[in-house]
Amino acid sequence: MHETPPPAPPEPPAPPAAQRHNPLHGVTLEAMVRALSDYYGWPGLAEQMPVRCFQHEPSVNSSLKFLRKTPWAREKVESLYLFMLREQRRAARE
C-alpha cells in the first residue's frame, strides 16, 4: 500500500507590481495631512477644503479620525495633496 503525499500548499499570491507611477503609493494619510497643513496652513487648508475638522480647532489627530471615517473627504485630501505636489514641481522648475 502506497500512500500519496499530501498536496503541496498553494503558492502565495505574487506581490503587486511596483507602483512607481502612483505618487500616493507608500504615503500615509497622516503624512498627507501634515504636508498640506505645512504648505497651506490650517486656515488655507480650511479654505481649500471647507470641512469642520480643518476649520474649528484643527489638529492632525482630529482630521485623521474624520478622514478615516469619511471616504469622500479622504479622496478630496488625496486630490489636494496631488495638486500640491504638482504646484511644488512647477515652482521648482521656475
PDB file of N, CA and C in Angstrom:
ATOM      1  N   MET A   1       0.810  -1.176   0.000  1.00  0.00           N
ATOM      2  CA  MET A   1       0.000   0.000   0.000  1.00  0.00           C
ATOM      3  C   MET A   1       0.862   1.252   0.000  1.00  0.00           C
ATOM      4  N   HIS A   2       0.706   2.018  -1.047  1.00  0.00           N
ATOM      5  CA  HIS A   2       1.426   3.297  -1.133  1.00  0.00           C
ATOM      6  C   HIS A   2       0.466   4.434  -0.837  1.00  0.00           C
ATOM      7  N   GLU A   3       0.883   5.269   0.067  1.00  0.00           N
ATOM      8  CA  GLU A   3       0.074   6.457   0.346  1.00  0.00           C
ATOM      9  C   GLU A   3       0.624   7.607  -0.483  1.00  0.00           C
ATOM     10  N   THR A   4      -0.249   8.366  -1.063  1.00  0.00           N
ATOM     11  CA  THR A   4       0.211   9.520  -1.829  1.00  0.00           C
ATOM     12  C   THR A   4       0.522  10.647  -0.853  1.00  0.00           C
ATOM     13  N   PRO A   5       1.569  11.396  -1.161  1.00  0.00           N
ATOM     14  CA  PRO A   5       1.913  12.509  -0.263  1.00  0.00           C
ATOM     15  C   PRO A   5       0.805  13.558  -0.292  1.00  0.00           C
ATOM     16  N   PRO A   6       0.668  14.302   0.789  1.00  0.00           N
ATOM     17  CA  PRO A   6      -0.361  15.353   0.804  1.00  0.00           C
ATOM     18  C   PRO A   6      -0.033  16.404  -0.251  1.00  0.00           C
ATOM     19  N   PRO A   7      -1.049  17.044  -0.790  1.00  0.00           N
ATOM     20  CA  PRO A   7      -0.781  18.078  -1.803  1.00  0.00           C
ATOM     21  C   PRO A   7      -0.003  19.242  -1.192  1.00  0.00           C
ATOM     22  N   ALA A   8       0.815  19.839  -2.034  1.00  0.00           N
ATOM     23  CA  ALA A   8       1.608  20.991  -1.585  1.00  0.00           C
ATOM     24  C   ALA A   8       0.668  22.156  -1.283  1.00  0.00           C
ATOM     25  N   PRO A   9       1.014  22.968  -0.300  1.00  0.00           N
ATOM     26  CA  PRO A   9       0.163  24.131  -0.017  1.00  0.00           C
ATOM     27  C   PRO A   9       0.174  25.071  -1.218  1.00  0.00           C
ATOM     28  N   PRO A  10      -0.907  25.800  -1.418  1.00  0.00           N
ATOM     29  CA  PRO A  10      -0.944  26.722  -2.564  1.00  0.00           C
ATOM     30  C   PRO A  10       0.119  27.805  -2.429  1.00  0.00           C
ATOM     31  N   GLU A  11       0.596  28.239  -3.567  1.00  0.00           N
ATOM     32  CA  GLU A  11       1.597  29.307  -3.589  1.00  0.00           C
ATOM     33  C   GLU A  11       0.943  30.612  -3.135  1.00  0.00           C
ATOM     34  N   PRO A  12       1.666  31.421  -2.375  1.00  0.00           N
ATOM     35  CA  PRO A  12       1.092  32.722  -2.003  1.00  0.00           C
ATOM     36  C   PRO A  12       0.965  33.584  -3.254  1.00  0.00           C
ATOM     37  N   PRO A  13       0.014  34.499  -3.263  1.00  0.00           N
ATOM     38  CA  PRO A  13      -0.142  35.353  -4.446  1.00  0.00           C
ATOM     39  C   PRO A  13       1.112  36.188  -4.676  1.00  0.00           C
ATOM     40  N   ALA A  14       1.356  36.475  -5.930  1.00  0.00           N
ATOM     41  CA  ALA A  14       2.524  37.286  -6.280  1.00  0.00           C
ATOM     42  C   ALA A  14       2.339  38.691  -5.713  1.00  0.00           C
ATOM     43  N   PRO A  15       3.421  39.318  -5.282  1.00  0.00           N
ATOM     44  CA  PRO A  15       3.289  40.692  -4.775  1.00  0.00           C
ATOM     45  C   PRO A  15       2.838  41.614  -5.900  1.00  0.00           C
ATOM     46  N   PRO A  16       2.117  42.678  -5.565  1.00  0.00           N
ATOM     47  CA  PRO A  16       1.649  43.589  -6.610  1.00  0.00           C
ATOM     48  C   PRO A  16       2.826  44.237  -7.333  1.00  0.00           C
ATOM     49  N   ALA A  17       2.582  44.573  -8.574  1.00  0.00           N
ATOM     50  CA  ALA A  17       3.622  45.234  -9.368  1.00  0.00           C
ATOM     51  C   ALA A  17       3.986  46.561  -8.704  1.00  0.00           C
ATOM     52  N   ALA A  18       5.214  46.953  -8.881  1.00  0.00           N
ATOM     53  CA  ALA A  18       5.674  48.222  -8.307  1.00  0.00           C
ATOM     54  C   ALA A  18       4.781  49.352  -8.812  1.00  0.00           C
ATOM     55  N   GLN A  19       4.489  50.272  -7.942  1.00  0.00           N
ATOM     56  CA  GLN A  19       3.612  51.386  -8.305  1.00  0.00           C
ATOM     57  C   GLN A  19       4.421  52.669  -8.430  1.00  0.00           C
ATOM     58  N   ARG A  20       5.425  52.610  -9.250  1.00  0.00           N
ATOM     59  CA  ARG A  20       6.312  53.771  -9.352  1.00  0.00           C
ATOM     60  C   ARG A  20       5.616  54.986  -9.944  1.00  0.00           C
ATOM     61  N   HIS A  21       4.521  54.781 -10.672  1.00  0.00           N
ATOM     62  CA  HIS A  21       3.809  55.915 -11.264  1.00  0.00           C
ATOM     63  C   HIS A  21       2.675  56.416 -10.375  1.00  0.00           C
ATOM     64  N   ASN A  22       2.512  55.823  -9.219  1.00  0.00           N
ATOM     65  CA  ASN A  22       1.468  56.241  -8.292  1.00  0.00           C
ATOM     66  C   ASN A  22       2.108  57.084  -7.191  1.00  0.00           C
ATOM     67  N   PRO A  23       1.946  58.410  -7.243  1.00  0.00           N
ATOM     68  CA  PRO A  23       2.596  59.262  -6.238  1.00  0.00           C
ATOM     69  C   PRO A  23       2.040  59.077  -4.826  1.00  0.00           C
ATOM     70  N   LEU A  24       0.883  58.435  -4.686  1.00  0.00           N
ATOM     71  CA  LEU A  24       0.320  58.211  -3.357  1.00  0.00           C
ATOM     72  C   LEU A  24       0.807  56.909  -2.734  1.00  0.00           C
ATOM     73  N   HIS A  25       1.478  56.077  -3.517  1.00  0.00           N
ATOM     74  CA  HIS A  25       1.920  54.777  -3.001  1.00  0.00           C
ATOM     75  C   HIS A  25       2.926  54.975  -1.868  1.00  0.00           C
ATOM     76  N   GLY A  26       2.623  54.411  -0.720  1.00  0.00           N
ATOM     77  CA  GLY A  26       3.522  54.493   0.425  1.00  0.00           C
ATOM     78  C   GLY A  26       3.379  55.759   1.252  1.00  0.00           C
ATOM     79  N   VAL A  27       2.497  56.666   0.844  1.00  0.00           N
ATOM     80  CA  VAL A  27       2.299  57.910   1.594  1.00  0.00           C
ATOM     81  C   VAL A  27       1.104  57.708   2.522  1.00  0.00           C
ATOM     82  N   THR A  28       1.320  57.882   3.800  1.00  0.00           N
ATOM     83  CA  THR A  28       0.224  57.696   4.752  1.00  0.00           C
ATOM     84  C   THR A  28      -0.694  58.912   4.746  1.00  0.00           C
ATOM     85  N   LEU A  29      -1.901  58.696   5.209  1.00  0.00           N
ATOM     86  CA  LEU A  29      -2.855  59.794   5.323  1.00  0.00           C
ATOM     87  C   LEU A  29      -2.314  60.863   6.270  1.00  0.00           C
ATOM     88  N   GLU A  30      -1.658  60.425   7.329  1.00  0.00           N
ATOM     89  CA  GLU A  30      -1.070  61.378   8.278  1.00  0.00           C
ATOM     90  C   GLU A  30      -0.018  62.243   7.593  1.00  0.00           C
ATOM     91  N   ALA A  31       0.825  61.636   6.766  1.00  0.00           N
ATOM     92  CA  ALA A  31       1.857  62.398   6.058  1.00  0.00           C
ATOM     93  C   ALA A  31       1.223  63.415   5.112  1.00  0.00           C
ATOM     94  N   MET A  32       0.117  63.036   4.469  1.00  0.00           N
ATOM     95  CA  MET A  32      -0.576  63.963   3.566  1.00  0.00           C
ATOM     96  C   MET A  32      -1.132  65.149   4.340  1.00  0.00           C
ATOM     97  N   VAL A  33      -1.799  64.872   5.463  1.00  0.00           N
ATOM     98  CA  VAL A  33      -2.402  65.951   6.258  1.00  0.00           C
ATOM     99  C   VAL A  33      -1.316  66.882   6.786  1.00  0.00           C
ATOM    100  N   ARG A  34      -0.220  66.322   7.269  1.00  0.00           N
ATOM    101  CA  ARG A  34       0.880  67.160   7.773  1.00  0.00           C
ATOM    102  C   ARG A  34       1.474  68.019   6.654  1.00  0.00           C
ATOM    103  N   ALA A  35       1.698  67.413   5.486  1.00  0.00           N
ATOM    104  CA  ALA A  35       2.267  68.164   4.362  1.00  0.00           C
ATOM    105  C   ALA A  35       1.323  69.279   3.924  1.00  0.00           C
ATOM    106  N   LEU A  36       0.034  68.985   3.855  1.00  0.00           N
ATOM    107  CA  LEU A  36      -0.937  70.004   3.448  1.00  0.00           C
ATOM    108  C   LEU A  36      -1.028  71.129   4.474  1.00  0.00           C
ATOM    109  N   SER A  37      -1.014  70.784   5.763  1.00  0.00           N
ATOM    110  CA  SER A  37      -1.098  71.838   6.785  1.00  0.00           C
ATOM    111  C   SER A  37       0.180  72.667   6.815  1.00  0.00           C
ATOM    112  N   ASP A  38       1.321  72.057   6.520  1.00  0.00           N
ATOM    113  CA  ASP A  38       2.575  72.816   6.443  1.00  0.00           C
ATOM    114  C   ASP A  38       2.573  73.740   5.228  1.00  0.00           C
ATOM    115  N   TYR A  39       2.048  73.258   4.119  1.00  0.00           N
ATOM    116  CA  TYR A  39       2.072  74.016   2.864  1.00  0.00           C
ATOM    117  C   TYR A  39       1.045  75.156   2.872  1.00  0.00           C
ATOM    118  N   TYR A  40      -0.202  74.843   3.221  1.00  0.00           N
ATOM    119  CA  TYR A  40      -1.277  75.836   3.179  1.00  0.00           C
ATOM    120  C   TYR A  40      -1.519  76.516   4.524  1.00  0.00           C
ATOM    121  N   GLY A  41      -1.137  75.871   5.628  1.00  0.00           N
ATOM    122  CA  GLY A  41      -1.535  76.332   6.956  1.00  0.00           C
ATOM    123  C   GLY A  41      -2.972  75.876   7.193  1.00  0.00           C
ATOM    124  N   TRP A  42      -3.390  75.786   8.451  1.00  0.00           N
ATOM    125  CA  TRP A  42      -4.756  75.326   8.726  1.00  0.00           C
ATOM    126  C   TRP A  42      -5.812  76.247   8.117  1.00  0.00           C
ATOM    127  N   PRO A  43      -5.654  77.590   8.215  1.00  0.00           N
ATOM    128  CA  PRO A  43      -6.673  78.456   7.590  1.00  0.00           C
ATOM    129  C   PRO A  43      -6.743  78.262   6.070  1.00  0.00           C
ATOM    130  N   GLY A  44      -5.590  78.134   5.431  1.00  0.00           N
ATOM    131  CA  GLY A  44      -5.576  77.913   3.987  1.00  0.00           C
ATOM    132  C   GLY A  44      -6.151  76.565   3.605  1.00  0.00           C
ATOM    133  N   LEU A  45      -5.881  75.574   4.422  1.00  0.00           N
ATOM    134  CA  LEU A  45      -6.422  74.236   4.171  1.00  0.00           C
ATOM    135  C   LEU A  45      -7.942  74.245   4.336  1.00  0.00           C
ATOM    136  N   ALA A  46      -8.433  74.969   5.337  1.00  0.00           N
ATOM    137  CA  ALA A  46      -9.885  75.090   5.540  1.00  0.00           C
ATOM    138  C   ALA A  46     -10.533  75.823   4.375  1.00  0.00           C
ATOM    139  N   GLU A  47      -9.811  76.766   3.790  1.00  0.00           N
ATOM    140  CA  GLU A  47     -10.333  77.488   2.631  1.00  0.00           C
ATOM    141  C   GLU A  47     -10.376  76.576   1.404  1.00  0.00           C
ATOM    142  N   GLN A  48      -9.330  75.782   1.229  1.00  0.00           N
ATOM    143  CA  GLN A  48      -9.267  74.849   0.102  1.00  0.00           C
ATOM    144  C   GLN A  48     -10.321  73.749   0.230  1.00  0.00           C
ATOM    145  N   MET A  49     -10.523  73.299   1.459  1.00  0.00           N
ATOM    146  CA  MET A  49     -11.437  72.191   1.714  1.00  0.00           C
ATOM    147  C   MET A  49     -12.245  72.511   2.969  1.00  0.00           C
ATOM    148  N   PRO A  50     -13.393  73.160   2.808  1.00  0.00           N
ATOM    149  CA  PRO A  50     -14.155  73.621   3.977  1.00  0.00           C
ATOM    150  C   PRO A  50     -14.888  72.491   4.707  1.00  0.00           C
ATOM    151  N   VAL A  51     -14.148  71.781   5.527  1.00  0.00           N
ATOM    152  CA  VAL A  51     -14.752  70.767   6.400  1.00  0.00           C
ATOM    153  C   VAL A  51     -14.413  71.140   7.841  1.00  0.00           C
ATOM    154  N   ARG A  52     -15.268  70.755   8.739  1.00  0.00           N
ATOM    155  CA  ARG A  52     -15.161  71.171  10.142  1.00  0.00           C
ATOM    156  C   ARG A  52     -13.818  70.815  10.779  1.00  0.00           C
ATOM    157  N   CYS A  53     -13.263  69.654  10.437  1.00  0.00           N
ATOM    158  CA  CYS A  53     -12.013  69.240  11.095  1.00  0.00           C
ATOM    159  C   CYS A  53     -10.842  70.158  10.732  1.00  0.00           C
ATOM    160  N   PHE A  54     -10.968  70.935   9.642  1.00  0.00           N
ATOM    161  CA  PHE A  54      -9.925  71.894   9.271  1.00  0.00           C
ATOM    162  C   PHE A  54     -10.277  73.310   9.720  1.00  0.00           C
ATOM    163  N   GLN A  55     -11.551  73.551  10.060  1.00  0.00           N
ATOM    164  CA  GLN A  55     -11.999  74.901  10.385  1.00  0.00           C
ATOM    165  C   GLN A  55     -12.025  75.205  11.885  1.00  0.00           C
ATOM    166  N   HIS A  56     -12.462  74.269  12.694  1.00  0.00           N
ATOM    167  CA  HIS A  56     -12.650  74.515  14.131  1.00  0.00           C
ATOM    168  C   HIS A  56     -11.683  73.671  14.943  1.00  0.00           C
ATOM    169  N   GLU A  57     -10.763  74.344  15.618  1.00  0.00           N
ATOM    170  CA  GLU A  57      -9.741  73.679  16.429  1.00  0.00           C
ATOM    171  C   GLU A  57      -9.071  72.534  15.667  1.00  0.00           C
ATOM    172  N   PRO A  58      -8.461  72.846  14.529  1.00  0.00           N
ATOM    173  CA  PRO A  58      -7.872  71.783  13.702  1.00  0.00           C
ATOM    174  C   PRO A  58      -6.651  71.146  14.358  1.00  0.00           C
ATOM    175  N   SER A  59      -6.526  69.867  14.162  1.00  0.00           N
ATOM    176  CA  SER A  59      -5.338  69.134  14.591  1.00  0.00           C
ATOM    177  C   SER A  59      -5.192  67.935  13.667  1.00  0.00           C
ATOM    178  N   VAL A  60      -4.009  67.390  13.627  1.00  0.00           N
ATOM    179  CA  VAL A  60      -3.762  66.227  12.782  1.00  0.00           C
ATOM    180  C   VAL A  60      -4.632  65.064  13.254  1.00  0.00           C
ATOM    181  N   ASN A  61      -4.668  64.822  14.568  1.00  0.00           N
ATOM    182  CA  ASN A  61      -5.433  63.682  15.087  1.00  0.00           C
ATOM    183  C   ASN A  61      -6.923  63.778  14.779  1.00  0.00           C
ATOM    184  N   SER A  62      -7.523  64.941  15.003  1.00  0.00           N
ATOM    185  CA  SER A  62      -8.960  65.065  14.731  1.00  0.00           C
ATOM    186  C   SER A  62      -9.232  64.932  13.238  1.00  0.00           C
ATOM    187  N   SER A  63      -8.338  65.456  12.426  1.00  0.00           N
ATOM    188  CA  SER A  63      -8.502  65.343  10.980  1.00  0.00           C
ATOM    189  C   SER A  63      -8.412  63.891  10.529  1.00  0.00           C
ATOM    190  N   LEU A  64      -7.454  63.156  11.085  1.00  0.00           N
ATOM    191  CA  LEU A  64      -7.300  61.747  10.708  1.00  0.00           C
ATOM    192  C   LEU A  64      -8.535  60.935  11.084  1.00  0.00           C
ATOM    193  N   LYS A  65      -9.082  61.185  12.267  1.00  0.00           N
ATOM    194  CA  LYS A  65     -10.291  60.458  12.690  1.00  0.00           C
ATOM    195  C   LYS A  65     -11.423  60.692  11.697  1.00  0.00           C
ATOM    196  N   PHE A  66     -11.627  61.952  11.326  1.00  0.00           N
ATOM    197  CA  PHE A  66     -12.696  62.286  10.390  1.00  0.00           C
ATOM    198  C   PHE A  66     -12.429  61.680   9.015  1.00  0.00           C
ATOM    199  N   LEU A  67     -11.221  61.841   8.510  1.00  0.00           N
ATOM    200  CA  LEU A  67     -10.911  61.389   7.153  1.00  0.00           C
ATOM    201  C   LEU A  67     -10.965  59.871   7.019  1.00  0.00           C
ATOM    202  N   ARG A  68     -10.615  59.157   8.069  1.00  0.00           N
ATOM    203  CA  ARG A  68     -10.673  57.690   8.009  1.00  0.00           C
ATOM    204  C   ARG A  68     -12.112  57.179   7.973  1.00  0.00           C
ATOM    205  N   LYS A  69     -13.040  57.973   8.498  1.00  0.00           N
ATOM    206  CA  LYS A  69     -14.449  57.564   8.517  1.00  0.00           C
ATOM    207  C   LYS A  69     -15.232  58.104   7.325  1.00  0.00           C
ATOM    208  N   THR A  70     -14.635  59.014   6.564  1.00  0.00           N
ATOM    209  CA  THR A  70     -15.370  59.723   5.518  1.00  0.00           C
ATOM    210  C   THR A  70     -14.639  59.595   4.181  1.00  0.00           C
ATOM    211  N   PRO A  71     -15.002  58.594   3.376  1.00  0.00           N
ATOM    212  CA  PRO A  71     -14.274  58.341   2.119  1.00  0.00           C
ATOM    213  C   PRO A  71     -14.236  59.533   1.158  1.00  0.00           C
ATOM    214  N   TRP A  72     -15.345  60.282   1.030  1.00  0.00           N
ATOM    215  CA  TRP A  72     -15.337  61.388   0.079  1.00  0.00           C
ATOM    216  C   TRP A  72     -14.339  62.460   0.499  1.00  0.00           C
ATOM    217  N   ALA A  73     -14.215  62.697   1.799  1.00  0.00           N
ATOM    218  CA  ALA A  73     -13.274  63.710   2.287  1.00  0.00           C
ATOM    219  C   ALA A  73     -11.839  63.230   2.098  1.00  0.00           C
ATOM    220  N   ARG A  74     -11.607  61.952   2.324  1.00  0.00           N
ATOM    221  CA  ARG A  74     -10.268  61.397   2.116  1.00  0.00           C
ATOM    222  C   ARG A  74      -9.857  61.541   0.652  1.00  0.00           C
ATOM    223  N   GLU A  75     -10.789  61.271  -0.263  1.00  0.00           N
ATOM    224  CA  GLU A  75     -10.487  61.425  -1.691  1.00  0.00           C
ATOM    225  C   GLU A  75     -10.134  62.870  -2.022  1.00  0.00           C
ATOM    226  N   LYS A  76     -10.839  63.811  -1.406  1.00  0.00           N
ATOM    227  CA  LYS A  76     -10.532  65.228  -1.645  1.00  0.00           C
ATOM    228  C   LYS A  76      -9.149  65.587  -1.112  1.00  0.00           C
ATOM    229  N   VAL A  77      -8.793  65.053   0.051  1.00  0.00           N
ATOM    230  CA  VAL A  77      -7.467  65.312   0.621  1.00  0.00           C
ATOM    231  C   VAL A  77      -6.395  64.730  -0.296  1.00  0.00           C
ATOM    232  N   GLU A  78      -6.613  63.521  -0.794  1.00  0.00           N
ATOM    233  CA  GLU A  78      -5.645  62.905  -1.705  1.00  0.00           C
ATOM    234  C   GLU A  78      -5.498  63.738  -2.971  1.00  0.00           C
ATOM    235  N   SER A  79      -6.617  64.224  -3.496  1.00  0.00           N
ATOM    236  CA  SER A  79      -6.590  65.059  -4.695  1.00  0.00           C
ATOM    237  C   SER A  79      -5.856  66.377  -4.433  1.00  0.00           C
ATOM    238  N   LEU A  80      -6.129  67.000  -3.303  1.00  0.00           N
ATOM    239  CA  LEU A  80      -5.457  68.251  -2.946  1.00  0.00           C
ATOM    240  C   LEU A  80      -3.965  68.018  -2.735  1.00  0.00           C
ATOM    241  N   TYR A  81      -3.604  66.880  -2.165  1.00  0.00           N
ATOM    242  CA  TYR A  81      -2.191  66.530  -1.964  1.00  0.00           C
ATOM    243  C   TYR A  81      -1.483  66.402  -3.318  1.00  0.00           C
ATOM    244  N   LEU A  82      -2.122  65.737  -4.280  1.00  0.00           N
ATOM    245  CA  LEU A  82      -1.530  65.607  -5.618  1.00  0.00           C
ATOM    246  C   LEU A  82      -1.392  66.976  -6.281  1.00  0.00           C
ATOM    247  N   PHE A  83      -2.398  67.838  -6.107  1.00  0.00           N
ATOM    248  CA  PHE A  83      -2.336  69.194  -6.645  1.00  0.00           C
ATOM    249  C   PHE A  83      -1.166  69.953  -6.033  1.00  0.00           C
ATOM    250  N   MET A  84      -0.980  69.813  -4.720  1.00  0.00           N
ATOM    251  CA  MET A  84       0.130  70.472  -4.028  1.00  0.00           C
ATOM    252  C   MET A  84       1.471  69.995  -4.585  1.00  0.00           C
ATOM    253  N   LEU A  85       1.599  68.682  -4.816  1.00  0.00           N
ATOM    254  CA  LEU A  85       2.848  68.155  -5.380  1.00  0.00           C
ATOM    255  C   LEU A  85       3.126  68.744  -6.759  1.00  0.00           C
ATOM    256  N   ARG A  86       2.069  68.862  -7.588  1.00  0.00           N
ATOM    257  CA  ARG A  86       2.249  69.461  -8.922  1.00  0.00           C
ATOM    258  C   ARG A  86       2.678  70.922  -8.802  1.00  0.00           C
ATOM    259  N   GLU A  87       2.059  71.666  -7.883  1.00  0.00           N
ATOM    260  CA  GLU A  87       2.441  73.069  -7.673  1.00  0.00           C
ATOM    261  C   GLU A  87       3.898  73.185  -7.241  1.00  0.00           C
ATOM    262  N   GLN A  88       4.323  72.298  -6.351  1.00  0.00           N
ATOM    263  CA  GLN A  88       5.707  72.332  -5.875  1.00  0.00           C
ATOM    264  C   GLN A  88       6.680  72.019  -7.010  1.00  0.00           C
ATOM    265  N   ARG A  89       6.323  71.058  -7.869  1.00  0.00           N
ATOM    266  CA  ARG A  89       7.203  70.733  -9.008  1.00  0.00           C
ATOM    267  C   ARG A  89       7.299  71.906  -9.973  1.00  0.00           C
ATOM    268  N   ARG A  90       6.153  72.555 -10.237  1.00  0.00           N
ATOM    269  CA  ARG A  90       6.164  73.723 -11.136  1.00  0.00           C
ATOM    270  C   ARG A  90       7.034  74.839 -10.560  1.00  0.00           C
ATOM    271  N   ALA A  91       6.895  75.093  -9.284  1.00  0.00           N
ATOM    272  CA  ALA A  91       7.669  76.156  -8.636  1.00  0.00           C
ATOM    273  C   ALA A  91       9.156  75.832  -8.654  1.00  0.00           C
ATOM    274  N   ALA A  92       9.504  74.560  -8.543  1.00  0.00           N
ATOM    275  CA  ALA A  92      10.917  74.160  -8.547  1.00  0.00           C
ATOM    276  C   ALA A  92      11.539  74.353  -9.926  1.00  0.00           C
ATOM    277  N   ARG A  93      10.727  74.229 -10.978  1.00  0.00           N
ATOM    278  CA  ARG A  93      11.247  74.397 -12.347  1.00  0.00           C
ATOM    279  C   ARG A  93      11.519  75.863 -12.675  1.00  0.00           C
ATOM    280  N   GLU A  94      10.805  76.762 -12.023  1.00  0.00           N
ATOM    281  CA  GLU A  94      10.940  78.193 -12.354  1.00  0.00           C
ATOM    282  C   GLU A  94      12.145  78.815 -11.723  1.00  0.00           C
TER     283      GLU A  94
END
